[in-house]
Amino acid sequence: MINLIIGVILLTSALMVLIASIGMWRFKNLYARMHVVTKVSSLGILLLLIAVNLFFLDWVVLIKTAVIFGVLVFLSPVSAHVIAKVSRSQKETNEFNQPDPSNNPDDKNDLTQ
């Protein structure tokens, strides 16, 4: 019975990681991609660590997985914040990191003026 529960939790974890991967592919904005990675991946890893704890049923494994999850919960938002700050400081203009031609004041060949 415990193996069935572990299997369901592992499949749910794999589904969460798949959803995060699809979100990375579908979202065009850097900030939306960061949101998907930090939120959904954390849930997927948490479910994986719960399944590992249920499989081994050992205090050492529990402590190790608690440390892993603690580091993940702490570093995932911090790294996303640093990436967002760098992106904002570089004045990202669109999703493909190309300069927006309509905002170029030095363009002398603009026919709309």
Protein backbone atom coordinates (compact mmCIF):
# COMPACT_ATOMS: atom_id res chain seq x y z
CA MET A 1 0.00 0.00 0.00
CA ILE A 2 2.81 2.40 0.84
CA ASN A 3 4.40 1.69 -2.55
CA LEU A 4 1.17 2.75 -4.26
CA ILE A 5 1.12 6.02 -2.32
CA ILE A 6 4.77 6.64 -3.15
CA GLY A 7 4.07 5.94 -6.83
CA VAL A 8 1.15 8.39 -6.91
CA ILE A 9 3.24 11.08 -5.21
CA LEU A 10 6.12 10.51 -7.65
CA LEU A 11 3.79 10.69 -10.64
CA THR A 12 2.27 13.91 -9.29
CA SER A 13 5.78 15.30 -8.83
CA ALA A 14 6.70 14.39 -12.39
CA LEU A 15 3.49 16.01 -13.61
CA MET A 16 4.38 19.24 -11.76
CA VAL A 17 7.82 19.30 -13.35
CA LEU A 18 6.22 18.67 -16.76
CA ILE A 19 3.82 21.57 -16.19
CA ALA A 20 6.78 23.80 -15.28
CA SER A 21 8.57 22.75 -18.46
CA ILE A 22 5.52 23.50 -20.60
CA GLY A 23 5.16 26.85 -18.85
CA MET A 24 8.78 27.68 -19.64
CA TRP A 25 8.11 26.91 -23.27
CA ARG A 26 4.76 28.71 -23.56
CA PHE A 27 5.39 31.92 -21.65
CA LYS A 28 7.25 34.55 -23.62
CA ASN A 29 8.02 36.98 -20.80
CA LEU A 30 11.04 36.50 -18.56
CA TYR A 31 9.06 37.36 -15.44
CA ALA A 32 6.30 34.85 -16.19
CA ARG A 33 8.92 32.17 -16.83
CA MET A 34 10.58 32.91 -13.52
CA HIS A 35 7.23 32.64 -11.76
CA VAL A 36 6.58 29.21 -13.25
CA VAL A 37 10.02 27.92 -12.37
CA THR A 38 10.07 29.15 -8.79
CA LYS A 39 6.55 28.09 -7.85
CA VAL A 40 5.74 24.90 -9.71
CA SER A 41 9.22 23.40 -9.51
CA SER A 42 9.32 23.94 -5.76
CA LEU A 43 6.08 22.02 -5.39
CA GLY A 44 7.37 19.22 -7.62
CA ILE A 45 10.58 18.89 -5.64
CA LEU A 46 8.63 18.96 -2.36
CA LEU A 47 6.47 16.05 -3.54
CA LEU A 48 9.58 14.16 -4.65
CA LEU A 49 11.20 14.65 -1.25
CA ILE A 50 8.02 13.49 0.52
CA ALA A 51 8.05 10.33 -1.58
CA VAL A 52 11.72 9.72 -0.73
CA ASN A 53 10.93 10.11 2.98
CA LEU A 54 8.04 7.67 2.73
CA PHE A 55 10.22 5.16 0.92
CA PHE A 56 13.16 5.18 3.33
CA LEU A 57 11.41 6.02 6.64
CA ASP A 58 14.68 7.07 8.25
CA TRP A 59 15.56 10.09 10.39
CA VAL A 60 18.79 10.74 8.49
CA VAL A 61 16.92 10.88 5.20
CA LEU A 62 14.30 13.14 6.77
CA ILE A 63 16.95 15.59 7.96
CA LYS A 64 18.74 15.57 4.60
CA THR A 65 15.56 16.16 2.63
CA ALA A 66 14.49 18.91 5.05
CA VAL A 67 17.82 20.66 4.46
CA ILE A 68 17.47 20.24 0.69
CA PHE A 69 13.95 21.67 0.74
CA GLY A 70 15.00 24.51 3.03
CA VAL A 71 17.82 25.49 0.68
CA LEU A 72 15.46 25.25 -2.30
CA VAL A 73 12.79 27.39 -0.66
CA PHE A 74 15.39 29.99 0.33
CA LEU A 75 17.48 30.13 -2.85
CA SER A 76 14.77 29.86 -5.50
CA PRO A 77 13.13 33.26 -4.77
CA VAL A 78 16.50 34.89 -4.14
CA SER A 79 17.88 33.76 -7.48
CA ALA A 80 14.67 34.81 -9.26
CA HIS A 81 14.93 38.23 -7.62
CA VAL A 82 18.54 38.64 -8.74
CA ILE A 83 17.66 37.63 -12.31
CA ALA A 84 14.75 40.10 -12.33
CA LYS A 85 16.96 42.92 -11.05
CA VAL A 86 19.61 42.24 -13.69
CA SER A 87 16.97 42.05 -16.41
CA ARG A 88 15.41 45.29 -15.30
CA SER A 89 18.76 47.04 -15.05
CA GLN A 90 19.59 46.01 -18.61
CA LYS A 91 16.29 47.57 -19.76
CA GLU A 92 14.84 44.47 -21.34
CA THR A 93 12.43 45.78 -23.96
CA ASN A 94 10.70 42.68 -25.28
CA GLU A 95 10.63 38.94 -24.87
CA PHE A 96 13.39 38.28 -27.41
CA ASN A 97 15.84 40.69 -25.79
CA GLN A 98 15.98 42.83 -28.92
CA PRO A 99 15.83 46.62 -28.74
CA ASP A 100 12.46 48.11 -29.57
CA PRO A 101 12.90 50.08 -32.84
CA SER A 102 10.01 52.43 -32.03
CA ASN A 103 11.83 53.77 -28.96
CA ASN A 104 15.03 54.73 -30.78
CA PRO A 105 15.36 58.56 -30.71
CA ASP A 106 18.40 58.49 -33.00
CA ASP A 107 16.51 56.95 -35.90
CA LYS A 108 16.47 59.57 -38.69
CA ASN A 109 14.69 57.33 -41.21
CA ASP A 110 11.43 57.09 -39.30
CA LEU A 111 8.59 57.85 -41.75
CA THR A 112 5.85 58.15 -39.12
CA GLN A 113 6.98 61.57 -37.87
